[in-house]
């Protein structure tokens, strides 16, 4: 079995993407405190779910603000006009990458119960780190629409790129895909955006680096296992 090796190409400077393709939540004390709880190895499943749920809520509200909007004027209870905005499309499409992506799906259902969801099941080989597409089910009408792609952790970028390729094959334009992500790292962002430069990624934190074992540093562990309570020995 081929083992994963770190890419030998020079990392792309993040300054090129920050605020253009990559939107990181402000490092406010409350958010850092939530990350501290979530990353703690002693944090059990219940606390992990509760803490990451709060991070996810912040992420989703930010991601929704990046969708196209149009002007809408309303009359307030005082009889005056408020010049506001509303989503340009009444339909919201989102695609999750199970299992970890299901955590974001649940949060989005609470905010927008009318969301039309799709699933793209991809598994990464534990040795080679190469992704394999197993299943894809996308809602009718997704072609040409804006799509939220839900992927909590982006380490090597291979899983995300596989999902993006599937969306593009289904008729979704690259620039209309907004990735909603809890945690990533510079190497992953460089890999993904070098290949798909029109993507937008909303993340709560960019970690320091990727280890030789393809784990993020300092990392958060296996998000899916910790969220669903399937950590070995737990």
C-alpha atoms as a PDB file:
ATOM      1  CA  UNK A   1       0.000   0.000   0.000  1.00  0.00           C
ATOM      2  CA  UNK A   2       1.376   3.412  -0.958  1.00  0.00           C
ATOM      3  CA  UNK A   3       1.892   5.704   2.013  1.00  0.00           C
ATOM      4  CA  UNK A   4       1.110   9.391   2.007  1.00  0.00           C
ATOM      5  CA  UNK A   5       4.009  11.764   1.396  1.00  0.00           C
ATOM      6  CA  UNK A   6       4.041  15.472   1.988  1.00  0.00           C
ATOM      7  CA  UNK A   7       3.797  17.513  -1.236  1.00  0.00           C
ATOM      8  CA  UNK A   8       7.161  18.904  -2.298  1.00  0.00           C
ATOM      9  CA  UNK A   9       5.761  22.069  -3.870  1.00  0.00           C
ATOM     10  CA  UNK A  10       6.169  25.375  -2.081  1.00  0.00           C
ATOM     11  CA  UNK A  11       3.086  26.401  -0.086  1.00  0.00           C
ATOM     12  CA  UNK A  12       1.012  29.197  -1.556  1.00  0.00           C
ATOM     13  CA  UNK A  13       1.120  32.367   0.613  1.00  0.00           C
ATOM     14  CA  UNK A  14      -2.182  32.657   2.454  1.00  0.00           C
ATOM     15  CA  UNK A  15      -2.203  36.440   2.095  1.00  0.00           C
ATOM     16  CA  UNK A  16      -3.109  35.841  -1.536  1.00  0.00           C
ATOM     17  CA  UNK A  17      -6.402  34.220  -0.502  1.00  0.00           C
ATOM     18  CA  UNK A  18      -7.440  35.711   2.841  1.00  0.00           C
ATOM     19  CA  UNK A  19     -10.435  37.974   2.405  1.00  0.00           C
ATOM     20  CA  UNK A  20     -10.770  36.910  -1.246  1.00  0.00           C
ATOM     21  CA  UNK A  21     -11.323  33.140  -1.222  1.00  0.00           C
ATOM     22  CA  UNK A  22     -10.740  32.332   2.453  1.00  0.00           C
ATOM     23  CA  UNK A  23     -12.790  33.944   5.207  1.00  0.00           C
ATOM     24  CA  UNK A  24     -11.616  33.106   8.727  1.00  0.00           C
ATOM     25  CA  UNK A  25     -13.805  33.997  11.690  1.00  0.00           C
ATOM     26  CA  UNK A  26     -12.309  36.808  13.824  1.00  0.00           C
ATOM     27  CA  UNK A  27     -10.105  35.431  16.605  1.00  0.00           C
ATOM     28  CA  UNK A  28     -12.229  36.802  19.414  1.00  0.00           C
ATOM     29  CA  UNK A  29     -11.768  35.444  22.958  1.00  0.00           C
ATOM     30  CA  UNK A  30     -15.118  33.644  22.929  1.00  0.00           C
ATOM     31  CA  UNK A  31     -14.258  31.702  19.772  1.00  0.00           C
ATOM     32  CA  UNK A  32     -10.775  30.822  21.037  1.00  0.00           C
ATOM     33  CA  UNK A  33     -12.348  29.584  24.285  1.00  0.00           C
ATOM     34  CA  UNK A  34     -14.654  27.311  22.295  1.00  0.00           C
ATOM     35  CA  UNK A  35     -11.702  25.940  20.323  1.00  0.00           C
ATOM     36  CA  UNK A  36      -9.835  25.362  23.576  1.00  0.00           C
ATOM     37  CA  UNK A  37     -12.676  23.216  24.905  1.00  0.00           C
ATOM     38  CA  UNK A  38     -13.155  21.330  21.645  1.00  0.00           C
ATOM     39  CA  UNK A  39      -9.452  20.564  21.167  1.00  0.00           C
ATOM     40  CA  UNK A  40      -8.849  19.385  24.743  1.00  0.00           C
ATOM     41  CA  UNK A  41      -8.129  15.645  24.669  1.00  0.00           C
ATOM     42  CA  UNK A  42     -10.060  15.311  27.936  1.00  0.00           C
ATOM     43  CA  UNK A  43     -13.261  16.712  26.414  1.00  0.00           C
ATOM     44  CA  UNK A  44     -15.883  13.987  26.136  1.00  0.00           C
ATOM     45  CA  UNK A  45     -18.499  13.532  23.454  1.00  0.00           C
ATOM     46  CA  UNK A  46     -21.298  15.527  25.099  1.00  0.00           C
ATOM     47  CA  UNK A  47     -19.121  18.585  25.672  1.00  0.00           C
ATOM     48  CA  UNK A  48     -17.518  18.240  22.247  1.00  0.00           C
ATOM     49  CA  UNK A  49     -20.913  18.197  20.522  1.00  0.00           C
ATOM     50  CA  UNK A  50     -22.141  21.178  22.532  1.00  0.00           C
ATOM     51  CA  UNK A  51     -18.964  23.220  21.992  1.00  0.00           C
ATOM     52  CA  UNK A  52     -18.504  22.521  18.294  1.00  0.00           C
ATOM     53  CA  UNK A  53     -22.213  23.170  17.806  1.00  0.00           C
ATOM     54  CA  UNK A  54     -21.669  26.750  18.927  1.00  0.00           C
ATOM     55  CA  UNK A  55     -18.704  27.125  16.558  1.00  0.00           C
ATOM     56  CA  UNK A  56     -20.764  25.654  13.732  1.00  0.00           C
ATOM     57  CA  UNK A  57     -23.590  28.115  14.365  1.00  0.00           C
ATOM     58  CA  UNK A  58     -21.168  31.039  13.973  1.00  0.00           C
ATOM     59  CA  UNK A  59     -19.729  29.472  10.819  1.00  0.00           C
ATOM     60  CA  UNK A  60     -23.080  28.851   9.191  1.00  0.00           C
ATOM     61  CA  UNK A  61     -24.399  32.363   9.813  1.00  0.00           C
ATOM     62  CA  UNK A  62     -21.202  33.751   8.280  1.00  0.00           C
ATOM     63  CA  UNK A  63     -21.397  31.402   5.298  1.00  0.00           C
ATOM     64  CA  UNK A  64     -25.030  32.347   4.669  1.00  0.00           C
ATOM     65  CA  UNK A  65     -23.995  35.999   4.532  1.00  0.00           C
ATOM     66  CA  UNK A  66     -21.736  35.154   1.569  1.00  0.00           C
ATOM     67  CA  UNK A  67     -24.666  34.010  -0.549  1.00  0.00           C
ATOM     68  CA  UNK A  68     -26.032  36.380  -3.173  1.00  0.00           C
ATOM     69  CA  UNK A  69     -28.555  38.886  -1.792  1.00  0.00           C
ATOM     70  CA  UNK A  70     -30.894  41.438  -3.363  1.00  0.00           C
ATOM     71  CA  UNK A  71     -32.461  44.588  -1.989  1.00  0.00           C
ATOM     72  CA  UNK A  72     -35.807  44.425  -0.228  1.00  0.00           C
ATOM     73  CA  UNK A  73     -37.624  47.321   1.428  1.00  0.00           C
ATOM     74  CA  UNK A  74     -40.022  46.625   4.305  1.00  0.00           C
ATOM     75  CA  UNK A  75     -42.302  48.796   6.387  1.00  0.00           C
ATOM     76  CA  UNK A  76     -41.482  48.755  10.094  1.00  0.00           C
ATOM     77  CA  UNK A  77     -44.113  48.797  12.910  1.00  0.00           C
ATOM     78  CA  UNK A  78     -43.487  52.546  13.237  1.00  0.00           C
ATOM     79  CA  UNK A  79     -44.563  53.082   9.635  1.00  0.00           C
ATOM     80  CA  UNK A  80     -41.109  53.853   8.260  1.00  0.00           C
ATOM     81  CA  UNK A  81     -39.262  52.064   5.471  1.00  0.00           C
ATOM     82  CA  UNK A  82     -36.209  49.934   6.120  1.00  0.00           C
ATOM     83  CA  UNK A  83     -34.043  49.378   3.050  1.00  0.00           C
ATOM     84  CA  UNK A  84     -32.879  45.824   3.642  1.00  0.00           C
ATOM     85  CA  UNK A  85     -31.772  42.655   1.874  1.00  0.00           C
ATOM     86  CA  UNK A  86     -32.999  39.137   1.261  1.00  0.00           C
ATOM     87  CA  UNK A  87     -31.419  36.021  -0.297  1.00  0.00           C
ATOM     88  CA  UNK A  88     -31.408  36.281  -4.078  1.00  0.00           C
ATOM     89  CA  UNK A  89     -32.652  32.705  -4.399  1.00  0.00           C
ATOM     90  CA  UNK A  90     -35.542  31.324  -2.344  1.00  0.00           C
ATOM     91  CA  UNK A  91     -33.997  27.835  -2.493  1.00  0.00           C
ATOM     92  CA  UNK A  92     -30.922  26.929  -0.454  1.00  0.00           C
ATOM     93  CA  UNK A  93     -28.792  23.949  -1.463  1.00  0.00           C
ATOM     94  CA  UNK A  94     -26.245  22.263   0.782  1.00  0.00           C
ATOM     95  CA  UNK A  95     -24.162  19.114   0.442  1.00  0.00           C
ATOM     96  CA  UNK A  96     -22.539  17.317   3.362  1.00  0.00           C
ATOM     97  CA  UNK A  97     -19.641  14.864   3.370  1.00  0.00           C
ATOM     98  CA  UNK A  98     -20.584  12.133   5.910  1.00  0.00           C
ATOM     99  CA  UNK A  99     -19.920  11.346   8.689  1.00  0.00           C
ATOM    100  CA  UNK A 100     -18.287  14.486   9.985  1.00  0.00           C
ATOM    101  CA  UNK A 101     -20.262  16.733   7.654  1.00  0.00           C
ATOM    102  CA  UNK A 102     -23.475  15.584   9.296  1.00  0.00           C
ATOM    103  CA  UNK A 103     -22.575  17.768  12.285  1.00  0.00           C
ATOM    104  CA  UNK A 104     -22.866  20.889  10.132  1.00  0.00           C
ATOM    105  CA  UNK A 105     -25.969  19.553   8.416  1.00  0.00           C
ATOM    106  CA  UNK A 106     -27.804  19.399  11.724  1.00  0.00           C
ATOM    107  CA  UNK A 107     -26.872  22.984  12.534  1.00  0.00           C
ATOM    108  CA  UNK A 108     -27.995  24.226   9.132  1.00  0.00           C
ATOM    109  CA  UNK A 109     -31.337  22.420   9.459  1.00  0.00           C
ATOM    110  CA  UNK A 110     -32.012  24.423  12.617  1.00  0.00           C
ATOM    111  CA  UNK A 111     -31.307  27.732  10.854  1.00  0.00           C
ATOM    112  CA  UNK A 112     -32.856  26.912   7.463  1.00  0.00           C
ATOM    113  CA  UNK A 113     -35.206  23.903   7.712  1.00  0.00           C
ATOM    114  CA  UNK A 114     -36.104  24.426   4.053  1.00  0.00           C
ATOM    115  CA  UNK A 115     -32.574  23.606   2.876  1.00  0.00           C
ATOM    116  CA  UNK A 116     -32.354  21.017   0.107  1.00  0.00           C
ATOM    117  CA  UNK A 117     -29.596  18.604   1.118  1.00  0.00           C
ATOM    118  CA  UNK A 118     -27.332  16.306  -0.851  1.00  0.00           C
ATOM    119  CA  UNK A 119     -24.735  13.753   0.270  1.00  0.00           C
ATOM    120  CA  UNK A 120     -21.335  12.854  -1.129  1.00  0.00           C
ATOM    121  CA  UNK A 121     -19.744   9.909   0.689  1.00  0.00           C
ATOM    122  CA  UNK A 122     -15.969   9.850   0.410  1.00  0.00           C
ATOM    123  CA  UNK A 123     -13.551   7.752   2.451  1.00  0.00           C
ATOM    124  CA  UNK A 124      -9.851   8.366   2.774  1.00  0.00           C
ATOM    125  CA  UNK A 125      -7.466   5.424   2.925  1.00  0.00           C
ATOM    126  CA  UNK A 126      -5.728   5.529   6.331  1.00  0.00           C
ATOM    127  CA  UNK A 127      -2.320   4.739   4.798  1.00  0.00           C
ATOM    128  CA  UNK A 128      -2.197   6.413   1.403  1.00  0.00           C
ATOM    129  CA  UNK A 129      -4.591   9.232   2.457  1.00  0.00           C
ATOM    130  CA  UNK A 130      -6.127   9.000  -1.013  1.00  0.00           C
ATOM    131  CA  UNK A 131      -9.895   9.648  -1.215  1.00  0.00           C
ATOM    132  CA  UNK A 132     -12.385   7.265  -2.823  1.00  0.00           C
ATOM    133  CA  UNK A 133     -15.880   8.323  -3.874  1.00  0.00           C
ATOM    134  CA  UNK A 134     -18.491   5.768  -2.748  1.00  0.00           C
ATOM    135  CA  UNK A 135     -21.836   7.512  -3.134  1.00  0.00           C
ATOM    136  CA  UNK A 136     -23.366  10.736  -4.397  1.00  0.00           C
ATOM    137  CA  UNK A 137     -26.975  11.902  -4.161  1.00  0.00           C
ATOM    138  CA  UNK A 138     -27.684  15.501  -5.111  1.00  0.00           C
ATOM    139  CA  UNK A 139     -31.063  17.269  -5.061  1.00  0.00           C
ATOM    140  CA  UNK A 140     -32.807  18.187  -8.320  1.00  0.00           C
ATOM    141  CA  UNK A 141     -32.236  21.783  -9.362  1.00  0.00           C
ATOM    142  CA  UNK A 142     -28.756  22.063  -7.898  1.00  0.00           C
ATOM    143  CA  UNK A 143     -27.155  22.768 -11.286  1.00  0.00           C
ATOM    144  CA  UNK A 144     -26.414  26.473 -11.612  1.00  0.00           C
ATOM    145  CA  UNK A 145     -27.237  27.178  -7.974  1.00  0.00           C
ATOM    146  CA  UNK A 146     -25.113  28.379  -5.075  1.00  0.00           C
ATOM    147  CA  UNK A 147     -24.171  25.479  -2.814  1.00  0.00           C
ATOM    148  CA  UNK A 148     -22.864  25.235   0.745  1.00  0.00           C
ATOM    149  CA  UNK A 149     -20.400  22.324   0.916  1.00  0.00           C
ATOM    150  CA  UNK A 150     -20.146  21.094   4.507  1.00  0.00           C
ATOM    151  CA  UNK A 151     -16.736  19.663   5.474  1.00  0.00           C
ATOM    152  CA  UNK A 152     -15.586  20.203   9.099  1.00  0.00           C
ATOM    153  CA  UNK A 153     -11.886  19.435   8.600  1.00  0.00           C
ATOM    154  CA  UNK A 154      -9.673  19.952   5.557  1.00  0.00           C
ATOM    155  CA  UNK A 155      -6.219  18.403   6.089  1.00  0.00           C
ATOM    156  CA  UNK A 156      -4.707  17.241   2.792  1.00  0.00           C
ATOM    157  CA  UNK A 157      -7.542  18.667   0.668  1.00  0.00           C
ATOM    158  CA  UNK A 158      -8.093  15.457  -1.292  1.00  0.00           C
ATOM    159  CA  UNK A 159     -11.555  14.693   0.073  1.00  0.00           C
ATOM    160  CA  UNK A 160     -12.771  18.231  -0.504  1.00  0.00           C
ATOM    161  CA  UNK A 161     -11.450  18.332  -4.080  1.00  0.00           C
ATOM    162  CA  UNK A 162     -13.208  15.030  -4.835  1.00  0.00           C
ATOM    163  CA  UNK A 163     -16.495  16.485  -3.593  1.00  0.00           C
ATOM    164  CA  UNK A 164     -15.982  19.708  -5.540  1.00  0.00           C
ATOM    165  CA  UNK A 165     -15.328  17.727  -8.719  1.00  0.00           C
ATOM    166  CA  UNK A 166     -18.605  15.875  -8.174  1.00  0.00           C
ATOM    167  CA  UNK A 167     -20.530  19.136  -7.780  1.00  0.00           C
ATOM    168  CA  UNK A 168     -18.959  20.652 -10.870  1.00  0.00           C
ATOM    169  CA  UNK A 169     -19.828  17.515 -12.863  1.00  0.00           C
ATOM    170  CA  UNK A 170     -23.429  18.047 -11.727  1.00  0.00           C
ATOM    171  CA  UNK A 171     -23.477  21.578 -13.174  1.00  0.00           C
ATOM    172  CA  UNK A 172     -22.529  23.686 -10.153  1.00  0.00           C
ATOM    173  CA  UNK A 173     -20.129  26.493 -11.071  1.00  0.00           C
ATOM    174  CA  UNK A 174     -16.894  26.534  -9.075  1.00  0.00           C
ATOM    175  CA  UNK A 175     -17.349  30.138  -7.965  1.00  0.00           C
ATOM    176  CA  UNK A 176     -20.819  29.303  -6.609  1.00  0.00           C
ATOM    177  CA  UNK A 177     -19.502  26.731  -4.106  1.00  0.00           C
ATOM    178  CA  UNK A 178     -19.008  27.970  -0.539  1.00  0.00           C
ATOM    179  CA  UNK A 179     -17.139  25.520   1.692  1.00  0.00           C
ATOM    180  CA  UNK A 180     -18.149  25.633   5.362  1.00  0.00           C
ATOM    181  CA  UNK A 181     -15.247  24.369   7.459  1.00  0.00           C
ATOM    182  CA  UNK A 182     -14.371  24.206  11.160  1.00  0.00           C
ATOM    183  CA  UNK A 183     -10.625  23.638  10.838  1.00  0.00           C
ATOM    184  CA  UNK A 184      -8.013  23.636   8.097  1.00  0.00           C
ATOM    185  CA  UNK A 185      -4.318  24.405   7.557  1.00  0.00           C
ATOM    186  CA  UNK A 186      -2.139  26.343   5.086  1.00  0.00           C
ATOM    187  CA  UNK A 187      -1.073  23.240   3.138  1.00  0.00           C
ATOM    188  CA  UNK A 188      -4.667  22.213   2.529  1.00  0.00           C
ATOM    189  CA  UNK A 189      -5.735  25.677   1.458  1.00  0.00           C
ATOM    190  CA  UNK A 190      -2.796  25.907  -0.925  1.00  0.00           C
ATOM    191  CA  UNK A 191      -3.580  22.506  -2.441  1.00  0.00           C
ATOM    192  CA  UNK A 192      -7.287  23.184  -2.846  1.00  0.00           C
ATOM    193  CA  UNK A 193      -7.096  26.752  -4.124  1.00  0.00           C
ATOM    194  CA  UNK A 194      -4.257  26.052  -6.530  1.00  0.00           C
ATOM    195  CA  UNK A 195      -6.538  23.555  -8.244  1.00  0.00           C
ATOM    196  CA  UNK A 196      -9.856  25.327  -7.655  1.00  0.00           C
ATOM    197  CA  UNK A 197      -9.024  29.049  -7.391  1.00  0.00           C
ATOM    198  CA  UNK A 198     -12.642  30.249  -7.549  1.00  0.00           C
ATOM    199  CA  UNK A 199     -13.841  28.398  -4.448  1.00  0.00           C
ATOM    200  CA  UNK A 200     -14.800  30.297  -1.316  1.00  0.00           C
ATOM    201  CA  UNK A 201     -13.984  28.788   2.068  1.00  0.00           C
ATOM    202  CA  UNK A 202     -15.449  29.997   5.363  1.00  0.00           C
ATOM    203  CA  UNK A 203     -13.459  28.553   8.285  1.00  0.00           C
ATOM    204  CA  UNK A 204     -13.352  29.077  12.036  1.00  0.00           C
ATOM    205  CA  UNK A 205      -9.591  28.523  12.327  1.00  0.00           C
ATOM    206  CA  UNK A 206      -6.465  27.948  10.229  1.00  0.00           C
ATOM    207  CA  UNK A 207      -4.038  25.695  12.103  1.00  0.00           C
ATOM    208  CA  UNK A 208      -0.255  25.999  11.982  1.00  0.00           C
ATOM    209  CA  UNK A 209       0.699  23.158   9.659  1.00  0.00           C
ATOM    210  CA  UNK A 210       0.218  19.579   8.536  1.00  0.00           C
ATOM    211  CA  UNK A 211       2.299  16.848  10.188  1.00  0.00           C
ATOM    212  CA  UNK A 212       4.154  14.100   8.328  1.00  0.00           C
ATOM    213  CA  UNK A 213       1.239  11.806   9.241  1.00  0.00           C
ATOM    214  CA  UNK A 214      -1.222  14.188   7.526  1.00  0.00           C
ATOM    215  CA  UNK A 215      -2.714  15.436  10.806  1.00  0.00           C
ATOM    216  CA  UNK A 216      -3.283  19.107  11.475  1.00  0.00           C
ATOM    217  CA  UNK A 217      -1.127  20.749  14.110  1.00  0.00           C
ATOM    218  CA  UNK A 218      -2.204  21.332  16.862  1.00  0.00           C
ATOM    219  CA  UNK A 219      -5.385  19.740  15.469  1.00  0.00           C
ATOM    220  CA  UNK A 220      -8.647  18.563  16.947  1.00  0.00           C
ATOM    221  CA  UNK A 221      -8.494  14.779  16.459  1.00  0.00           C
ATOM    222  CA  UNK A 222     -10.923  12.817  14.314  1.00  0.00           C
ATOM    223  CA  UNK A 223     -13.907  15.168  14.214  1.00  0.00           C
ATOM    224  CA  UNK A 224     -16.389  12.510  13.129  1.00  0.00           C
ATOM    225  CA  UNK A 225     -15.335  10.008  15.797  1.00  0.00           C
ATOM    226  CA  UNK A 226     -15.413  12.598  18.569  1.00  0.00           C
ATOM    227  CA  UNK A 227     -18.772  14.022  17.465  1.00  0.00           C
ATOM    228  CA  UNK A 228     -20.470  10.630  17.079  1.00  0.00           C
ATOM    229  CA  UNK A 229     -18.853   9.016  20.127  1.00  0.00           C
ATOM    230  CA  UNK A 230     -16.894   6.338  18.284  1.00  0.00           C
ATOM    231  CA  UNK A 231     -13.456   7.165  19.649  1.00  0.00           C
ATOM    232  CA  UNK A 232     -11.524   3.981  20.426  1.00  0.00           C
ATOM    233  CA  UNK A 233     -11.423   3.274  24.141  1.00  0.00           C
ATOM    234  CA  UNK A 234     -14.025   5.928  24.948  1.00  0.00           C
END
